[in-house]
Amino acid sequence: MRGNRLLPEQIDVALRHPPPDRLPDSECDVRAAVTLLLAPEEGDSVRALFVMRAAHDGDPWSGHVALPGGRFDTGDRDLLDTARRETREETEVRLSRDDYLGRLSEIHPRSAHLPSIGVTPFVAWLPRRPEVRENYELAGHLWVPIDTLASPDARSTLVRRTPGERVFPTIEYAGAVIWGLTLAIIDEFIQRMASP
């Protein structure tokens, strides 16, 4: 996949067939949503917005590189509204429902320290890169080229030693490490875009 050939029309076609249905509420304690926000850059390349979570005690994603997003709130009409609200609260980027092109598969992070959670990723497109103003939940942000996300040269591994030793695939860019839930979302997006 070449990022400089990526257009919203291509994304729309790739996401037209919805992913499998989400887990029933009886199997999922918490719902959340994130935004994979794409915008073209100079030279027609396309970049995706990532945020760096600030370090907070008790937050399982503390310090991670992530997509803007968070938990469903009873004031949200649906999970798309959750993605929009959380993106606005964290980055001050205001997205309309029409800015979203589709969704990816619900992700279920597994951890003995977390409730059963279902995270729905939504893909949005803006015609130009917006200004980002991080709130207190974030320690920074970066725009990563889609070509880099799809490139085997950016792939590496991360070893976590609590408990035991586990090895996780990663993408490394400008000193940031994308892995776990966020990498699973990116990998599905890249796969969907590469499918005929």
C-alpha atoms as a PDB file:
ATOM      1  CA  MET A   1       0.000   0.000   0.000  1.00  0.00           C
ATOM      2  CA  ARG A   2       1.342   3.402  -0.963  1.00  0.00           C
ATOM      3  CA  GLY A   3       0.160   6.194   1.346  1.00  0.00           C
ATOM      4  CA  ASN A   4       0.414   8.818  -1.391  1.00  0.00           C
ATOM      5  CA  ARG A   5      -2.321   6.962  -3.305  1.00  0.00           C
ATOM      6  CA  LEU A   6      -4.691   6.729  -0.357  1.00  0.00           C
ATOM      7  CA  LEU A   7      -7.906   8.688  -0.908  1.00  0.00           C
ATOM      8  CA  PRO A   8     -11.108   8.939   1.143  1.00  0.00           C
ATOM      9  CA  GLU A   9     -12.993   7.191  -1.658  1.00  0.00           C
ATOM     10  CA  GLN A  10     -10.660   4.171  -1.366  1.00  0.00           C
ATOM     11  CA  ILE A  11     -11.119   4.049   2.390  1.00  0.00           C
ATOM     12  CA  ASP A  12     -14.887   4.296   1.995  1.00  0.00           C
ATOM     13  CA  VAL A  13     -14.885   1.301  -0.369  1.00  0.00           C
ATOM     14  CA  ALA A  14     -12.559  -0.721   1.895  1.00  0.00           C
ATOM     15  CA  LEU A  15     -14.781  -0.095   4.927  1.00  0.00           C
ATOM     16  CA  ARG A  16     -18.091  -0.550   3.129  1.00  0.00           C
ATOM     17  CA  HIS A  17     -18.482  -4.126   4.322  1.00  0.00           C
ATOM     18  CA  PRO A  18     -18.846  -3.830   8.080  1.00  0.00           C
ATOM     19  CA  PRO A  19     -16.725  -5.985  10.361  1.00  0.00           C
ATOM     20  CA  PRO A  20     -18.320  -8.692  12.544  1.00  0.00           C
ATOM     21  CA  ASP A  21     -20.883  -7.607  15.111  1.00  0.00           C
ATOM     22  CA  ARG A  22     -19.696  -6.646  18.556  1.00  0.00           C
ATOM     23  CA  LEU A  23     -19.904  -8.819  21.654  1.00  0.00           C
ATOM     24  CA  PRO A  24     -23.291  -8.848  23.376  1.00  0.00           C
ATOM     25  CA  ASP A  25     -23.601  -6.540  26.381  1.00  0.00           C
ATOM     26  CA  SER A  26     -23.783  -9.594  28.663  1.00  0.00           C
ATOM     27  CA  GLU A  27     -20.157 -10.398  27.711  1.00  0.00           C
ATOM     28  CA  CYS A  28     -18.788  -6.851  27.787  1.00  0.00           C
ATOM     29  CA  ASP A  29     -18.760  -4.671  30.926  1.00  0.00           C
ATOM     30  CA  VAL A  30     -17.485  -1.475  29.266  1.00  0.00           C
ATOM     31  CA  ARG A  31     -17.748  -0.002  25.759  1.00  0.00           C
ATOM     32  CA  ALA A  32     -15.265   2.472  24.317  1.00  0.00           C
ATOM     33  CA  ALA A  33     -14.449   4.028  20.956  1.00  0.00           C
ATOM     34  CA  VAL A  34     -11.387   5.538  19.300  1.00  0.00           C
ATOM     35  CA  THR A  35     -10.750   7.612  16.174  1.00  0.00           C
ATOM     36  CA  LEU A  36      -8.175   6.732  13.522  1.00  0.00           C
ATOM     37  CA  LEU A  37      -7.935  10.242  12.048  1.00  0.00           C
ATOM     38  CA  LEU A  38      -6.310  10.559   8.622  1.00  0.00           C
ATOM     39  CA  ALA A  39      -5.296  13.737   6.802  1.00  0.00           C
ATOM     40  CA  PRO A  40      -3.221  14.451   3.686  1.00  0.00           C
ATOM     41  CA  GLU A  41       0.133  16.188   3.940  1.00  0.00           C
ATOM     42  CA  GLU A  42       2.322  18.060   1.472  1.00  0.00           C
ATOM     43  CA  GLY A  43       3.266  15.854  -1.464  1.00  0.00           C
ATOM     44  CA  ASP A  44      -0.029  13.957  -1.187  1.00  0.00           C
ATOM     45  CA  SER A  45       1.166  11.646   1.583  1.00  0.00           C
ATOM     46  CA  VAL A  46      -1.400  10.688   4.225  1.00  0.00           C
ATOM     47  CA  ARG A  47      -0.743  10.681   7.955  1.00  0.00           C
ATOM     48  CA  ALA A  48      -2.589   9.284  10.966  1.00  0.00           C
ATOM     49  CA  LEU A  49      -2.929  11.060  14.316  1.00  0.00           C
ATOM     50  CA  PHE A  50      -1.618   9.325  17.439  1.00  0.00           C
ATOM     51  CA  VAL A  51      -1.609  10.653  20.981  1.00  0.00           C
ATOM     52  CA  MET A  52       0.766   9.952  23.863  1.00  0.00           C
ATOM     53  CA  ARG A  53      -1.097   9.247  27.068  1.00  0.00           C
ATOM     54  CA  ALA A  54       0.135  11.100  30.141  1.00  0.00           C
ATOM     55  CA  ALA A  55       1.445   8.984  33.020  1.00  0.00           C
ATOM     56  CA  HIS A  56      -1.244   8.412  35.672  1.00  0.00           C
ATOM     57  CA  ASP A  57      -1.290   5.922  38.551  1.00  0.00           C
ATOM     58  CA  GLY A  58      -3.893   3.217  38.049  1.00  0.00           C
ATOM     59  CA  ASP A  59      -4.276   3.809  34.300  1.00  0.00           C
ATOM     60  CA  PRO A  60      -3.433   0.583  32.400  1.00  0.00           C
ATOM     61  CA  TRP A  61      -2.624   2.616  29.260  1.00  0.00           C
ATOM     62  CA  SER A  62      -0.526   5.210  31.097  1.00  0.00           C
ATOM     63  CA  GLY A  63       2.270   6.514  28.874  1.00  0.00           C
ATOM     64  CA  HIS A  64       1.168   4.542  25.816  1.00  0.00           C
ATOM     65  CA  VAL A  65       0.935   5.772  22.235  1.00  0.00           C
ATOM     66  CA  ALA A  66      -2.757   5.491  21.343  1.00  0.00           C
ATOM     67  CA  LEU A  67      -5.576   6.759  19.179  1.00  0.00           C
ATOM     68  CA  PRO A  68      -7.800   9.496  20.630  1.00  0.00           C
ATOM     69  CA  GLY A  69     -10.757   7.922  22.385  1.00  0.00           C
ATOM     70  CA  GLY A  70     -12.287   6.648  25.579  1.00  0.00           C
ATOM     71  CA  ARG A  71     -15.268   5.109  27.317  1.00  0.00           C
ATOM     72  CA  PHE A  72     -18.911   5.399  26.306  1.00  0.00           C
ATOM     73  CA  ASP A  73     -20.826   7.925  28.382  1.00  0.00           C
ATOM     74  CA  THR A  74     -24.579   7.800  28.969  1.00  0.00           C
ATOM     75  CA  GLY A  75     -24.842  11.204  27.269  1.00  0.00           C
ATOM     76  CA  ASP A  76     -23.451   9.775  24.013  1.00  0.00           C
ATOM     77  CA  ARG A  77     -26.009   8.875  21.361  1.00  0.00           C
ATOM     78  CA  ASP A  78     -23.852   5.947  20.202  1.00  0.00           C
ATOM     79  CA  LEU A  79     -20.219   4.833  19.995  1.00  0.00           C
ATOM     80  CA  LEU A  80     -19.553   7.144  17.048  1.00  0.00           C
ATOM     81  CA  ASP A  81     -20.526  10.049  19.310  1.00  0.00           C
ATOM     82  CA  THR A  82     -18.162   8.621  21.944  1.00  0.00           C
ATOM     83  CA  ALA A  83     -15.302   8.690  19.423  1.00  0.00           C
ATOM     84  CA  ARG A  84     -16.177  12.257  18.399  1.00  0.00           C
ATOM     85  CA  ARG A  85     -16.525  13.527  21.978  1.00  0.00           C
ATOM     86  CA  GLU A  86     -13.335  11.896  23.224  1.00  0.00           C
ATOM     87  CA  THR A  87     -11.344  13.163  20.215  1.00  0.00           C
ATOM     88  CA  ARG A  88     -12.628  16.695  20.856  1.00  0.00           C
ATOM     89  CA  GLU A  89     -11.931  16.531  24.615  1.00  0.00           C
ATOM     90  CA  GLU A  90      -8.401  15.171  24.194  1.00  0.00           C
ATOM     91  CA  THR A  91      -7.224  17.120  21.123  1.00  0.00           C
ATOM     92  CA  GLU A  92      -9.762  19.926  20.501  1.00  0.00           C
ATOM     93  CA  VAL A  93     -10.237  18.498  16.984  1.00  0.00           C
ATOM     94  CA  ARG A  94     -13.938  18.761  16.185  1.00  0.00           C
ATOM     95  CA  LEU A  95     -15.215  16.073  13.828  1.00  0.00           C
ATOM     96  CA  SER A  96     -18.698  15.838  12.357  1.00  0.00           C
ATOM     97  CA  ARG A  97     -20.409  12.509  11.818  1.00  0.00           C
ATOM     98  CA  ASP A  98     -19.848  13.059   8.081  1.00  0.00           C
ATOM     99  CA  ASP A  99     -16.054  13.126   8.626  1.00  0.00           C
ATOM    100  CA  TYR A 100     -16.198   9.418   9.518  1.00  0.00           C
ATOM    101  CA  LEU A 101     -15.876   6.897   6.680  1.00  0.00           C
ATOM    102  CA  GLY A 102     -16.561   3.686   8.587  1.00  0.00           C
ATOM    103  CA  ARG A 103     -15.486   1.420  11.404  1.00  0.00           C
ATOM    104  CA  LEU A 104     -13.174  -1.487  12.061  1.00  0.00           C
ATOM    105  CA  SER A 105     -13.685  -4.594  14.200  1.00  0.00           C
ATOM    106  CA  GLU A 106     -14.379  -4.267  17.893  1.00  0.00           C
ATOM    107  CA  ILE A 107     -11.203  -5.084  19.868  1.00  0.00           C
ATOM    108  CA  HIS A 108     -11.214  -6.863  23.242  1.00  0.00           C
ATOM    109  CA  PRO A 109      -8.027  -6.275  25.273  1.00  0.00           C
ATOM    110  CA  ARG A 110      -7.450  -9.126  27.697  1.00  0.00           C
ATOM    111  CA  SER A 111      -6.136  -8.413  31.175  1.00  0.00           C
ATOM    112  CA  ALA A 112      -6.823  -9.794  34.629  1.00  0.00           C
ATOM    113  CA  HIS A 113      -6.624  -6.180  35.879  1.00  0.00           C
ATOM    114  CA  LEU A 114      -9.309  -4.797  33.539  1.00  0.00           C
ATOM    115  CA  PRO A 115     -13.057  -5.277  33.208  1.00  0.00           C
ATOM    116  CA  SER A 116     -14.257  -6.899  29.982  1.00  0.00           C
ATOM    117  CA  ILE A 117     -14.013  -4.010  27.505  1.00  0.00           C
ATOM    118  CA  GLY A 118     -14.962  -3.670  23.846  1.00  0.00           C
ATOM    119  CA  VAL A 119     -13.225  -0.908  21.857  1.00  0.00           C
ATOM    120  CA  THR A 120     -14.715   0.135  18.519  1.00  0.00           C
ATOM    121  CA  PRO A 121     -12.323   1.970  16.151  1.00  0.00           C
ATOM    122  CA  PHE A 122     -13.798   4.486  13.710  1.00  0.00           C
ATOM    123  CA  VAL A 123     -11.902   5.895  10.711  1.00  0.00           C
ATOM    124  CA  ALA A 124     -12.195   9.623   9.934  1.00  0.00           C
ATOM    125  CA  TRP A 125     -10.787  11.801   7.149  1.00  0.00           C
ATOM    126  CA  LEU A 126     -10.139  15.535   7.078  1.00  0.00           C
ATOM    127  CA  PRO A 127      -9.002  17.359   3.922  1.00  0.00           C
ATOM    128  CA  ARG A 128      -6.123  19.019   5.807  1.00  0.00           C
ATOM    129  CA  ARG A 129      -4.259  18.331   9.027  1.00  0.00           C
ATOM    130  CA  PRO A 130      -6.011  20.086  11.931  1.00  0.00           C
ATOM    131  CA  GLU A 131      -4.329  21.888  14.784  1.00  0.00           C
ATOM    132  CA  VAL A 132      -4.110  19.668  17.867  1.00  0.00           C
ATOM    133  CA  ARG A 133      -4.264  21.041  21.413  1.00  0.00           C
ATOM    134  CA  GLU A 134      -3.728  18.311  23.994  1.00  0.00           C
ATOM    135  CA  ASN A 135      -5.673  18.258  27.251  1.00  0.00           C
ATOM    136  CA  TYR A 136      -4.339  17.054  30.633  1.00  0.00           C
ATOM    137  CA  GLU A 137      -4.807  13.379  29.635  1.00  0.00           C
ATOM    138  CA  LEU A 138      -2.096  13.636  26.995  1.00  0.00           C
ATOM    139  CA  ALA A 139       1.658  14.176  27.008  1.00  0.00           C
ATOM    140  CA  GLY A 140       1.928  14.847  23.274  1.00  0.00           C
ATOM    141  CA  HIS A 141       0.865  13.765  19.800  1.00  0.00           C
ATOM    142  CA  LEU A 142       2.372  12.829  16.462  1.00  0.00           C
ATOM    143  CA  TRP A 143       1.300  12.348  12.864  1.00  0.00           C
ATOM    144  CA  VAL A 144       2.655   9.115  11.370  1.00  0.00           C
ATOM    145  CA  PRO A 145       2.737   8.486   7.590  1.00  0.00           C
ATOM    146  CA  ILE A 146       0.512   5.613   6.458  1.00  0.00           C
ATOM    147  CA  ASP A 147       3.462   4.328   4.396  1.00  0.00           C
ATOM    148  CA  THR A 148       5.458   3.966   7.620  1.00  0.00           C
ATOM    149  CA  LEU A 149       2.627   2.108   9.350  1.00  0.00           C
ATOM    150  CA  ALA A 150       2.492  -0.346   6.437  1.00  0.00           C
ATOM    151  CA  SER A 151       6.266  -0.757   6.058  1.00  0.00           C
ATOM    152  CA  PRO A 152       8.011  -3.900   7.380  1.00  0.00           C
ATOM    153  CA  ASP A 153      11.074  -1.680   8.000  1.00  0.00           C
ATOM    154  CA  ALA A 154       9.234   0.112  10.840  1.00  0.00           C
ATOM    155  CA  ARG A 155       8.396  -3.158  12.624  1.00  0.00           C
ATOM    156  CA  SER A 156      10.158  -4.296  15.758  1.00  0.00           C
ATOM    157  CA  THR A 157       9.344  -6.029  19.054  1.00  0.00           C
ATOM    158  CA  LEU A 158       8.851  -5.035  22.670  1.00  0.00           C
ATOM    159  CA  VAL A 159       9.635  -7.326  25.621  1.00  0.00           C
ATOM    160  CA  ARG A 160       7.453  -6.946  28.731  1.00  0.00           C
ATOM    161  CA  ARG A 161       8.609  -8.691  31.893  1.00  0.00           C
ATOM    162  CA  THR A 162       5.570  -8.429  34.181  1.00  0.00           C
ATOM    163  CA  PRO A 163       4.623 -11.177  34.896  1.00  0.00           C
ATOM    164  CA  GLY A 164       7.064 -13.459  33.095  1.00  0.00           C
ATOM    165  CA  GLU A 165       8.435 -12.435  29.712  1.00  0.00           C
ATOM    166  CA  ARG A 166       6.194 -11.643  26.748  1.00  0.00           C
ATOM    167  CA  VAL A 167       7.197 -10.335  23.326  1.00  0.00           C
ATOM    168  CA  PHE A 168       4.873  -7.959  21.438  1.00  0.00           C
ATOM    169  CA  PRO A 169       5.120  -6.698  17.846  1.00  0.00           C
ATOM    170  CA  THR A 170       5.560  -2.923  17.479  1.00  0.00           C
ATOM    171  CA  ILE A 171       5.862  -0.057  15.029  1.00  0.00           C
ATOM    172  CA  GLU A 172       8.543   2.480  15.915  1.00  0.00           C
ATOM    173  CA  TYR A 173       8.444   6.058  14.625  1.00  0.00           C
ATOM    174  CA  ALA A 174      10.241   9.205  15.835  1.00  0.00           C
ATOM    175  CA  GLY A 175      11.014   7.597  19.193  1.00  0.00           C
ATOM    176  CA  ALA A 176       7.407   6.478  19.745  1.00  0.00           C
ATOM    177  CA  VAL A 177       6.412   2.822  20.064  1.00  0.00           C
ATOM    178  CA  ILE A 178       2.984   1.723  18.798  1.00  0.00           C
ATOM    179  CA  TRP A 179       1.912  -1.681  20.097  1.00  0.00           C
ATOM    180  CA  GLY A 180      -0.904  -3.684  21.675  1.00  0.00           C
ATOM    181  CA  LEU A 181      -4.475  -2.582  21.093  1.00  0.00           C
ATOM    182  CA  THR A 182      -3.444   0.370  18.924  1.00  0.00           C
ATOM    183  CA  LEU A 183      -1.238  -1.785  16.696  1.00  0.00           C
ATOM    184  CA  ALA A 184      -4.065  -4.317  16.276  1.00  0.00           C
ATOM    185  CA  ILE A 185      -6.309  -1.506  15.005  1.00  0.00           C
ATOM    186  CA  ILE A 186      -3.633  -0.230  12.616  1.00  0.00           C
ATOM    187  CA  ASP A 187      -2.948  -3.734  11.311  1.00  0.00           C
ATOM    188  CA  GLU A 188      -6.635  -4.309  10.523  1.00  0.00           C
ATOM    189  CA  PHE A 189      -6.810  -0.955   8.729  1.00  0.00           C
ATOM    190  CA  ILE A 190      -3.725  -1.752   6.641  1.00  0.00           C
ATOM    191  CA  GLN A 191      -5.115  -5.199   5.811  1.00  0.00           C
ATOM    192  CA  ARG A 192      -8.519  -3.800   4.823  1.00  0.00           C
ATOM    193  CA  MET A 193      -6.858  -1.183   2.596  1.00  0.00           C
ATOM    194  CA  ALA A 194      -4.647  -3.802   0.925  1.00  0.00           C
ATOM    195  CA  SER A 195      -7.557  -6.140   0.126  1.00  0.00           C
ATOM    196  CA  PRO A 196      -8.884  -5.962  -3.462  1.00  0.00           C
END
